[in-house]
PDB file of N, CA and C in Angstrom:
ATOM      1  N   UNK A   1      51.540 151.193  48.904  1.00  0.00           N
ATOM      2  CA  UNK A   1      51.674 150.263  49.897  1.00  0.00           C
ATOM      3  C   UNK A   1      50.934 150.544  51.247  1.00  0.00           C
ATOM      4  N   UNK A   2      50.358 149.579  51.614  1.00  0.00           N
ATOM      5  CA  UNK A   2      49.552 149.550  52.855  1.00  0.00           C
ATOM      6  C   UNK A   2      50.377 149.408  54.046  1.00  0.00           C
ATOM      7  N   UNK A   3      50.044 150.269  55.109  1.00  0.00           N
ATOM      8  CA  UNK A   3      50.854 150.356  56.509  1.00  0.00           C
ATOM      9  C   UNK A   3      49.776 150.107  57.441  1.00  0.00           C
ATOM     10  N   UNK A   4      50.207 149.077  58.246  1.00  0.00           N
ATOM     11  CA  UNK A   4      49.673 148.746  59.475  1.00  0.00           C
ATOM     12  C   UNK A   4      50.540 148.951  60.739  1.00  0.00           C
ATOM     13  N   UNK A   5      49.608 149.258  61.695  1.00  0.00           N
ATOM     14  CA  UNK A   5      50.143 149.277  63.083  1.00  0.00           C
ATOM     15  C   UNK A   5      49.608 148.405  64.016  1.00  0.00           C
ATOM     16  N   UNK A   6      50.802 148.055  64.876  1.00  0.00           N
ATOM     17  CA  UNK A   6      50.119 147.271  66.125  1.00  0.00           C
ATOM     18  C   UNK A   6      50.312 147.916  67.244  1.00  0.00           C
ATOM     19  N   UNK A   7      49.416 148.400  68.267  1.00  0.00           N
ATOM     20  CA  UNK A   7      49.553 149.288  69.411  1.00  0.00           C
ATOM     21  C   UNK A   7      49.924 148.267  70.669  1.00  0.00           C
ATOM     22  N   UNK A   8      50.526 149.020  71.411  1.00  0.00           N
ATOM     23  CA  UNK A   8      50.837 148.508  72.964  1.00  0.00           C
ATOM     24  C   UNK A   8      50.358 149.549  74.044  1.00  0.00           C
ATOM     25  N   UNK A   9      49.423 149.443  74.307  1.00  0.00           N
ATOM     26  CA  UNK A   9      48.961 150.631  75.028  1.00  0.00           C
ATOM     27  C   UNK A   9      48.604 151.748  74.251  1.00  0.00           C
ATOM     28  N   UNK A  10      49.372 152.989  74.419  1.00  0.00           N
ATOM     29  CA  UNK A  10      48.908 154.440  73.552  1.00  0.00           C
ATOM     30  C   UNK A  10      50.463 154.409  72.688  1.00  0.00           C
ATOM     31  N   UNK A  11      51.267 153.320  72.642  1.00  0.00           N
ATOM     32  CA  UNK A  11      52.487 153.343  71.769  1.00  0.00           C
ATOM     33  C   UNK A  11      52.460 152.340  70.669  1.00  0.00           C
ATOM     34  N   UNK A  12      52.863 152.617  69.614  1.00  0.00           N
ATOM     35  CA  UNK A  12      53.122 151.970  68.394  1.00  0.00           C
ATOM     36  C   UNK A  12      53.952 150.745  68.640  1.00  0.00           C
ATOM     37  N   UNK A  13      53.741 149.582  68.853  1.00  0.00           N
ATOM     38  CA  UNK A  13      54.675 148.556  69.061  1.00  0.00           C
ATOM     39  C   UNK A  13      55.439 148.113  67.757  1.00  0.00           C
ATOM     40  N   UNK A  14      54.758 148.105  66.633  1.00  0.00           N
ATOM     41  CA  UNK A  14      55.362 147.662  65.321  1.00  0.00           C
ATOM     42  C   UNK A  14      54.562 148.238  64.238  1.00  0.00           C
ATOM     43  N   UNK A  15      55.216 148.770  63.343  1.00  0.00           N
ATOM     44  CA  UNK A  15      54.549 149.075  61.802  1.00  0.00           C
ATOM     45  C   UNK A  15      55.192 148.388  60.634  1.00  0.00           C
ATOM     46  N   UNK A  16      54.222 148.050  59.870  1.00  0.00           N
ATOM     47  CA  UNK A  16      54.709 146.959  58.705  1.00  0.00           C
ATOM     48  C   UNK A  16      54.130 147.732  57.545  1.00  0.00           C
ATOM     49  N   UNK A  17      54.873 147.631  56.488  1.00  0.00           N
ATOM     50  CA  UNK A  17      54.248 148.106  54.940  1.00  0.00           C
ATOM     51  C   UNK A  17      54.002 146.712  54.093  1.00  0.00           C
ATOM     52  N   UNK A  18      52.913 146.625  53.566  1.00  0.00           N
ATOM     53  CA  UNK A  18      52.661 145.512  52.858  1.00  0.00           C
ATOM     54  C   UNK A  18      52.300 145.779  51.448  1.00  0.00           C
ATOM     55  N   UNK A  19      52.408 145.138  50.243  1.00  0.00           N
ATOM     56  CA  UNK A  19      51.606 145.719  49.010  1.00  0.00           C
ATOM     57  C   UNK A  19      50.280 145.624  49.141  1.00  0.00           C
ATOM     58  N   UNK A  20      49.757 146.712  48.405  1.00  0.00           N
ATOM     59  CA  UNK A  20      48.122 146.845  48.600  1.00  0.00           C
ATOM     60  C   UNK A  20      47.741 145.407  47.846  1.00  0.00           C
ATOM     61  N   UNK A  21      46.533 144.948  48.252  1.00  0.00           N
ATOM     62  CA  UNK A  21      45.729 143.851  47.479  1.00  0.00           C
ATOM     63  C   UNK A  21      46.305 142.411  47.958  1.00  0.00           C
ATOM     64  N   UNK A  22      47.831 142.399  48.753  1.00  0.00           N
ATOM     65  CA  UNK A  22      48.188 141.191  48.740  1.00  0.00           C
ATOM     66  C   UNK A  22      47.517 140.425  49.863  1.00  0.00           C
ATOM     67  N   UNK A  23      47.907 138.858  49.800  1.00  0.00           N
ATOM     68  CA  UNK A  23      47.576 138.101  50.997  1.00  0.00           C
ATOM     69  C   UNK A  23      47.883 138.550  52.086  1.00  0.00           C
ATOM     70  N   UNK A  24      49.172 138.942  52.246  1.00  0.00           N
ATOM     71  CA  UNK A  24      49.512 139.616  53.646  1.00  0.00           C
ATOM     72  C   UNK A  24      48.391 140.822  54.107  1.00  0.00           C
ATOM     73  N   UNK A  25      48.335 141.719  53.219  1.00  0.00           N
ATOM     74  CA  UNK A  25      47.553 142.866  53.401  1.00  0.00           C
ATOM     75  C   UNK A  25      46.313 142.717  53.769  1.00  0.00           C
ATOM     76  N   UNK A  26      45.509 141.461  53.458  1.00  0.00           N
ATOM     77  CA  UNK A  26      44.184 140.925  53.740  1.00  0.00           C
ATOM     78  C   UNK A  26      44.354 140.209  55.342  1.00  0.00           C
ATOM     79  N   UNK A  27      45.399 139.779  55.618  1.00  0.00           N
ATOM     80  CA  UNK A  27      45.528 139.084  56.775  1.00  0.00           C
ATOM     81  C   UNK A  27      45.658 140.274  57.765  1.00  0.00           C
ATOM     82  N   UNK A  28      46.432 141.226  57.525  1.00  0.00           N
ATOM     83  CA  UNK A  28      46.543 142.420  58.524  1.00  0.00           C
ATOM     84  C   UNK A  28      45.202 142.999  58.841  1.00  0.00           C
ATOM     85  N   UNK A  29      44.475 143.194  57.460  1.00  0.00           N
ATOM     86  CA  UNK A  29      43.109 144.087  57.437  1.00  0.00           C
ATOM     87  C   UNK A  29      42.077 143.243  58.282  1.00  0.00           C
ATOM     88  N   UNK A  30      42.218 141.902  58.440  1.00  0.00           N
ATOM     89  CA  UNK A  30      41.289 141.180  59.194  1.00  0.00           C
ATOM     90  C   UNK A  30      41.534 140.766  60.648  1.00  0.00           C
ATOM     91  N   UNK A  31      42.846 141.185  60.973  1.00  0.00           N
ATOM     92  CA  UNK A  31      43.260 141.006  62.537  1.00  0.00           C
ATOM     93  C   UNK A  31      42.762 142.087  63.433  1.00  0.00           C
ATOM     94  N   UNK A  32      42.182 141.731  64.432  1.00  0.00           N
ATOM     95  CA  UNK A  32      41.718 142.795  65.237  1.00  0.00           C
ATOM     96  C   UNK A  32      42.900 143.460  65.887  1.00  0.00           C
ATOM     97  N   UNK A  33      44.371 142.992  65.919  1.00  0.00           N
ATOM     98  CA  UNK A  33      45.459 143.641  66.732  1.00  0.00           C
ATOM     99  C   UNK A  33      45.864 144.510  65.633  1.00  0.00           C
ATOM    100  N   UNK A  34      45.864 144.712  64.513  1.00  0.00           N
ATOM    101  CA  UNK A  34      46.326 145.577  63.609  1.00  0.00           C
ATOM    102  C   UNK A  34      45.338 146.550  62.966  1.00  0.00           C
ATOM    103  N   UNK A  35      45.837 147.949  62.801  1.00  0.00           N
ATOM    104  CA  UNK A  35      44.943 148.854  62.318  1.00  0.00           C
ATOM    105  C   UNK A  35      45.754 149.493  61.031  1.00  0.00           C
ATOM    106  N   UNK A  36      45.021 149.906  60.042  1.00  0.00           N
ATOM    107  CA  UNK A  36      45.585 150.567  58.821  1.00  0.00           C
ATOM    108  C   UNK A  36      45.865 151.911  59.124  1.00  0.00           C
ATOM    109  N   UNK A  37      46.933 152.289  58.706  1.00  0.00           N
ATOM    110  CA  UNK A  37      47.342 153.769  58.749  1.00  0.00           C
ATOM    111  C   UNK A  37      47.472 154.342  57.259  1.00  0.00           C
ATOM    112  N   UNK A  38      47.652 155.756  57.132  1.00  0.00           N
ATOM    113  CA  UNK A  38      47.846 156.452  56.013  1.00  0.00           C
ATOM    114  C   UNK A  38      49.441 156.431  55.962  1.00  0.00           C
ATOM    115  N   UNK A  39      49.834 156.480  54.736  1.00  0.00           N
ATOM    116  CA  UNK A  39      51.196 156.694  54.688  1.00  0.00           C
ATOM    117  C   UNK A  39      51.314 158.327  54.487  1.00  0.00           C
ATOM    118  N   UNK A  40      52.519 158.766  55.416  1.00  0.00           N
ATOM    119  CA  UNK A  40      52.707 160.375  55.252  1.00  0.00           C
ATOM    120  C   UNK A  40      52.750 160.753  53.850  1.00  0.00           C
ATOM    121  N   UNK A  41      52.255 161.909  53.535  1.00  0.00           N
ATOM    122  CA  UNK A  41      52.377 162.535  52.159  1.00  0.00           C
ATOM    123  C   UNK A  41      53.608 163.293  52.477  1.00  0.00           C
ATOM    124  N   UNK A  42      54.545 163.602  51.039  1.00  0.00           N
ATOM    125  CA  UNK A  42      55.373 164.480  51.043  1.00  0.00           C
ATOM    126  C   UNK A  42      54.958 166.082  51.078  1.00  0.00           C
ATOM    127  N   UNK A  43      55.342 167.122  51.814  1.00  0.00           N
ATOM    128  CA  UNK A  43      54.909 168.370  51.706  1.00  0.00           C
ATOM    129  C   UNK A  43      54.916 168.541  50.408  1.00  0.00           C
ATOM    130  N   UNK A  44      53.628 169.541  50.204  1.00  0.00           N
ATOM    131  CA  UNK A  44      53.481 170.222  48.772  1.00  0.00           C
ATOM    132  C   UNK A  44      54.473 171.548  48.678  1.00  0.00           C
ATOM    133  N   UNK A  45      55.070 171.813  47.464  1.00  0.00           N
ATOM    134  CA  UNK A  45      55.734 172.661  47.401  1.00  0.00           C
ATOM    135  C   UNK A  45      55.454 173.602  46.174  1.00  0.00           C
ATOM    136  N   UNK A  46      55.313 174.716  46.178  1.00  0.00           N
ATOM    137  CA  UNK A  46      54.806 175.611  45.130  1.00  0.00           C
ATOM    138  C   UNK A  46      56.048 175.708  44.290  1.00  0.00           C
ATOM    139  N   UNK A  47      55.586 175.255  43.063  1.00  0.00           N
ATOM    140  CA  UNK A  47      56.755 175.006  41.876  1.00  0.00           C
ATOM    141  C   UNK A  47      57.299 176.366  41.532  1.00  0.00           C
ATOM    142  N   UNK A  48      56.847 177.573  42.005  1.00  0.00           N
ATOM    143  CA  UNK A  48      57.428 178.760  41.502  1.00  0.00           C
ATOM    144  C   UNK A  48      58.360 179.433  42.607  1.00  0.00           C
ATOM    145  N   UNK A  49      58.454 178.728  43.793  1.00  0.00           N
ATOM    146  CA  UNK A  49      59.399 178.948  44.851  1.00  0.00           C
ATOM    147  C   UNK A  49      60.509 177.627  44.775  1.00  0.00           C
ATOM    148  N   UNK A  50      61.556 178.521  44.996  1.00  0.00           N
ATOM    149  CA  UNK A  50      62.766 177.404  44.845  1.00  0.00           C
ATOM    150  C   UNK A  50      62.651 176.522  45.978  1.00  0.00           C
ATOM    151  N   UNK A  51      62.733 174.854  45.719  1.00  0.00           N
ATOM    152  CA  UNK A  51      62.560 174.182  46.586  1.00  0.00           C
ATOM    153  C   UNK A  51      63.884 174.136  47.496  1.00  0.00           C
ATOM    154  N   UNK A  52      63.862 173.265  48.514  1.00  0.00           N
ATOM    155  CA  UNK A  52      65.008 173.226  49.589  1.00  0.00           C
ATOM    156  C   UNK A  52      65.839 172.145  48.843  1.00  0.00           C
ATOM    157  N   UNK A  53      67.181 171.841  49.040  1.00  0.00           N
ATOM    158  CA  UNK A  53      67.847 170.966  48.498  1.00  0.00           C
ATOM    159  C   UNK A  53      67.604 169.478  48.714  1.00  0.00           C
ATOM    160  N   UNK A  54      66.769 169.421  49.909  1.00  0.00           N
ATOM    161  CA  UNK A  54      66.340 167.932  50.268  1.00  0.00           C
ATOM    162  C   UNK A  54      65.072 167.735  49.379  1.00  0.00           C
ATOM    163  N   UNK A  55      64.616 168.648  48.804  1.00  0.00           N
ATOM    164  CA  UNK A  55      63.165 168.300  48.061  1.00  0.00           C
ATOM    165  C   UNK A  55      63.638 167.171  47.003  1.00  0.00           C
ATOM    166  N   UNK A  56      62.507 166.487  46.506  1.00  0.00           N
ATOM    167  CA  UNK A  56      62.630 165.342  45.522  1.00  0.00           C
ATOM    168  C   UNK A  56      63.125 166.044  44.141  1.00  0.00           C
ATOM    169  N   UNK A  57      63.802 165.085  43.460  1.00  0.00           N
ATOM    170  CA  UNK A  57      63.980 165.498  42.059  1.00  0.00           C
ATOM    171  C   UNK A  57      62.648 165.980  41.234  1.00  0.00           C
ATOM    172  N   UNK A  58      61.385 165.400  41.301  1.00  0.00           N
ATOM    173  CA  UNK A  58      60.231 165.854  40.755  1.00  0.00           C
ATOM    174  C   UNK A  58      60.026 167.075  41.198  1.00  0.00           C
ATOM    175  N   UNK A  59      60.111 167.506  42.315  1.00  0.00           N
ATOM    176  CA  UNK A  59      59.914 168.971  42.882  1.00  0.00           C
ATOM    177  C   UNK A  59      60.804 169.780  42.267  1.00  0.00           C
ATOM    178  N   UNK A  60      62.168 169.702  41.829  1.00  0.00           N
ATOM    179  CA  UNK A  60      63.058 170.366  41.112  1.00  0.00           C
ATOM    180  C   UNK A  60      62.910 170.384  39.804  1.00  0.00           C
ATOM    181  N   UNK A  61      62.170 169.363  39.201  1.00  0.00           N
ATOM    182  CA  UNK A  61      61.672 169.508  37.765  1.00  0.00           C
ATOM    183  C   UNK A  61      60.435 170.371  37.660  1.00  0.00           C
ATOM    184  N   UNK A  62      59.555 170.162  38.664  1.00  0.00           N
ATOM    185  CA  UNK A  62      58.455 171.137  38.558  1.00  0.00           C
ATOM    186  C   UNK A  62      58.918 172.693  38.675  1.00  0.00           C
ATOM    187  N   UNK A  63      59.794 172.788  39.550  1.00  0.00           N
ATOM    188  CA  UNK A  63      60.439 174.205  39.667  1.00  0.00           C
ATOM    189  C   UNK A  63      61.124 174.932  38.378  1.00  0.00           C
ATOM    190  N   UNK A  64      61.774 173.843  37.942  1.00  0.00           N
ATOM    191  CA  UNK A  64      62.660 174.314  36.697  1.00  0.00           C
ATOM    192  C   UNK A  64      61.678 174.629  35.519  1.00  0.00           C
ATOM    193  N   UNK A  65      60.576 173.742  35.477  1.00  0.00           N
ATOM    194  CA  UNK A  65      59.532 173.798  34.458  1.00  0.00           C
ATOM    195  C   UNK A  65      58.743 175.437  34.444  1.00  0.00           C
ATOM    196  N   UNK A  66      58.461 175.548  35.731  1.00  0.00           N
ATOM    197  CA  UNK A  66      57.326 176.563  35.985  1.00  0.00           C
ATOM    198  C   UNK A  66      58.100 177.959  36.400  1.00  0.00           C
ATOM    199  N   UNK A  67      58.949 177.902  36.891  1.00  0.00           N
ATOM    200  CA  UNK A  67      59.630 179.318  37.103  1.00  0.00           C
ATOM    201  C   UNK A  67      60.735 179.698  36.210  1.00  0.00           C
ATOM    202  N   UNK A  68      61.323 178.643  35.542  1.00  0.00           N
ATOM    203  CA  UNK A  68      62.633 178.888  34.518  1.00  0.00           C
ATOM    204  C   UNK A  68      62.217 178.577  33.099  1.00  0.00           C
ATOM    205  N   UNK A  69      60.961 178.097  32.877  1.00  0.00           N
ATOM    206  CA  UNK A  69      60.864 177.855  31.373  1.00  0.00           C
ATOM    207  C   UNK A  69      61.315 176.586  30.867  1.00  0.00           C
ATOM    208  N   UNK A  70      62.216 175.808  31.616  1.00  0.00           N
ATOM    209  CA  UNK A  70      62.780 174.629  31.107  1.00  0.00           C
ATOM    210  C   UNK A  70      61.742 173.668  30.290  1.00  0.00           C
ATOM    211  N   UNK A  71      62.134 172.935  29.265  1.00  0.00           N
ATOM    212  CA  UNK A  71      61.434 171.853  28.867  1.00  0.00           C
ATOM    213  C   UNK A  71      60.977 170.700  29.641  1.00  0.00           C
ATOM    214  N   UNK A  72      60.056 170.388  29.904  1.00  0.00           N
ATOM    215  CA  UNK A  72      59.660 169.314  30.950  1.00  0.00           C
ATOM    216  C   UNK A  72      60.683 167.957  30.564  1.00  0.00           C
ATOM    217  N   UNK A  73      60.589 167.627  29.234  1.00  0.00           N
ATOM    218  CA  UNK A  73      61.243 166.391  28.938  1.00  0.00           C
ATOM    219  C   UNK A  73      62.963 166.476  29.217  1.00  0.00           C
ATOM    220  N   UNK A  74      63.124 167.477  28.850  1.00  0.00           N
ATOM    221  CA  UNK A  74      64.567 168.014  29.200  1.00  0.00           C
ATOM    222  C   UNK A  74      64.912 167.971  30.566  1.00  0.00           C
ATOM    223  N   UNK A  75      64.008 168.695  31.604  1.00  0.00           N
ATOM    224  CA  UNK A  75      64.447 168.906  32.876  1.00  0.00           C
ATOM    225  C   UNK A  75      64.288 167.418  33.624  1.00  0.00           C
ATOM    226  N   UNK A  76      63.491 166.673  33.032  1.00  0.00           N
ATOM    227  CA  UNK A  76      63.226 165.272  33.640  1.00  0.00           C
ATOM    228  C   UNK A  76      64.561 164.376  33.256  1.00  0.00           C
ATOM    229  N   UNK A  77      65.273 164.661  32.111  1.00  0.00           N
ATOM    230  CA  UNK A  77      66.385 163.871  32.057  1.00  0.00           C
ATOM    231  C   UNK A  77      67.686 164.445  32.638  1.00  0.00           C
ATOM    232  N   UNK A  78      67.650 165.688  33.526  1.00  0.00           N
ATOM    233  CA  UNK A  78      68.753 166.228  34.286  1.00  0.00           C
ATOM    234  C   UNK A  78      68.576 165.538  35.544  1.00  0.00           C
ATOM    235  N   UNK A  79      69.766 165.655  35.954  1.00  0.00           N
ATOM    236  CA  UNK A  79      69.955 164.931  37.540  1.00  0.00           C
ATOM    237  C   UNK A  79      69.748 166.116  38.488  1.00  0.00           C
ATOM    238  N   UNK A  80      69.010 165.821  39.539  1.00  0.00           N
ATOM    239  CA  UNK A  80      68.704 166.854  40.800  1.00  0.00           C
ATOM    240  C   UNK A  80      69.697 167.679  40.981  1.00  0.00           C
ATOM    241  N   UNK A  81      71.102 167.430  40.689  1.00  0.00           N
ATOM    242  CA  UNK A  81      72.269 168.247  41.167  1.00  0.00           C
ATOM    243  C   UNK A  81      72.280 169.383  39.941  1.00  0.00           C
ATOM    244  N   UNK A  82      72.071 168.697  38.762  1.00  0.00           N
ATOM    245  CA  UNK A  82      72.075 169.680  37.470  1.00  0.00           C
ATOM    246  C   UNK A  82      70.879 171.009  37.617  1.00  0.00           C
ATOM    247  N   UNK A  83      69.778 170.096  37.967  1.00  0.00           N
ATOM    248  CA  UNK A  83      68.490 170.982  38.114  1.00  0.00           C
ATOM    249  C   UNK A  83      68.904 172.158  39.129  1.00  0.00           C
ATOM    250  N   UNK A  84      69.480 171.910  40.385  1.00  0.00           N
ATOM    251  CA  UNK A  84      69.837 172.727  41.344  1.00  0.00           C
ATOM    252  C   UNK A  84      70.833 173.941  40.732  1.00  0.00           C
ATOM    253  N   UNK A  85      71.895 173.342  39.919  1.00  0.00           N
ATOM    254  CA  UNK A  85      72.859 174.300  39.284  1.00  0.00           C
ATOM    255  C   UNK A  85      72.183 175.404  38.317  1.00  0.00           C
ATOM    256  N   UNK A  86      71.219 174.570  37.583  1.00  0.00           N
ATOM    257  CA  UNK A  86      70.712 175.234  36.068  1.00  0.00           C
ATOM    258  C   UNK A  86      69.671 176.492  36.890  1.00  0.00           C
ATOM    259  N   UNK A  87      68.921 176.197  38.001  1.00  0.00           N
ATOM    260  CA  UNK A  87      68.067 177.258  38.388  1.00  0.00           C
ATOM    261  C   UNK A  87      68.531 178.032  39.577  1.00  0.00           C
ATOM    262  N   UNK A  88      69.823 177.973  39.760  1.00  0.00           N
ATOM    263  CA  UNK A  88      70.417 178.916  40.872  1.00  0.00           C
ATOM    264  C   UNK A  88      70.048 180.338  40.227  1.00  0.00           C
ATOM    265  N   UNK A  89      69.769 180.959  41.426  1.00  0.00           N
ATOM    266  CA  UNK A  89      69.593 182.446  41.515  1.00  0.00           C
ATOM    267  C   UNK A  89      71.044 183.139  41.457  1.00  0.00           C
ATOM    268  N   UNK A  90      71.079 184.333  40.936  1.00  0.00           N
ATOM    269  CA  UNK A  90      72.440 185.161  41.019  1.00  0.00           C
ATOM    270  C   UNK A  90      72.932 185.160  42.497  1.00  0.00           C
ATOM    271  N   UNK A  91      72.322 185.187  43.653  1.00  0.00           N
ATOM    272  CA  UNK A  91      72.986 185.488  44.942  1.00  0.00           C
ATOM    273  C   UNK A  91      73.440 184.045  45.337  1.00  0.00           C
ATOM    274  N   UNK A  92      72.927 182.992  44.852  1.00  0.00           N
ATOM    275  CA  UNK A  92      73.374 181.692  45.160  1.00  0.00           C
ATOM    276  C   UNK A  92      74.554 181.351  44.665  1.00  0.00           C
ATOM    277  N   UNK A  93      75.091 181.903  43.445  1.00  0.00           N
ATOM    278  CA  UNK A  93      76.173 181.616  43.049  1.00  0.00           C
ATOM    279  C   UNK A  93      77.583 182.336  43.431  1.00  0.00           C
ATOM    280  N   UNK A  94      77.648 182.971  44.556  1.00  0.00           N
ATOM    281  CA  UNK A  94      78.606 183.691  45.282  1.00  0.00           C
ATOM    282  C   UNK A  94      79.564 182.771  45.732  1.00  0.00           C
TER     283      UNK A  94
END
């Protein structure tokens, strides 16, 4: 998705997301009132470190595989809640 902003002075007045390569994206790209901005990237997490509960399921899968030796296909089939439980450290279980 492409993200475009329209400024009002120093402040963002409006921000829109449009599909990449769409007619709408071309219209925003050609307009002098709008500027393209990069989408924020999710923070990277070391798969060996236990991610926070707010991490994505993909981050939990990576952790389960890297730090606990789970099969990637099996980990991917699990829910995020199951991965959190499976990878719980002994002190987490109190």
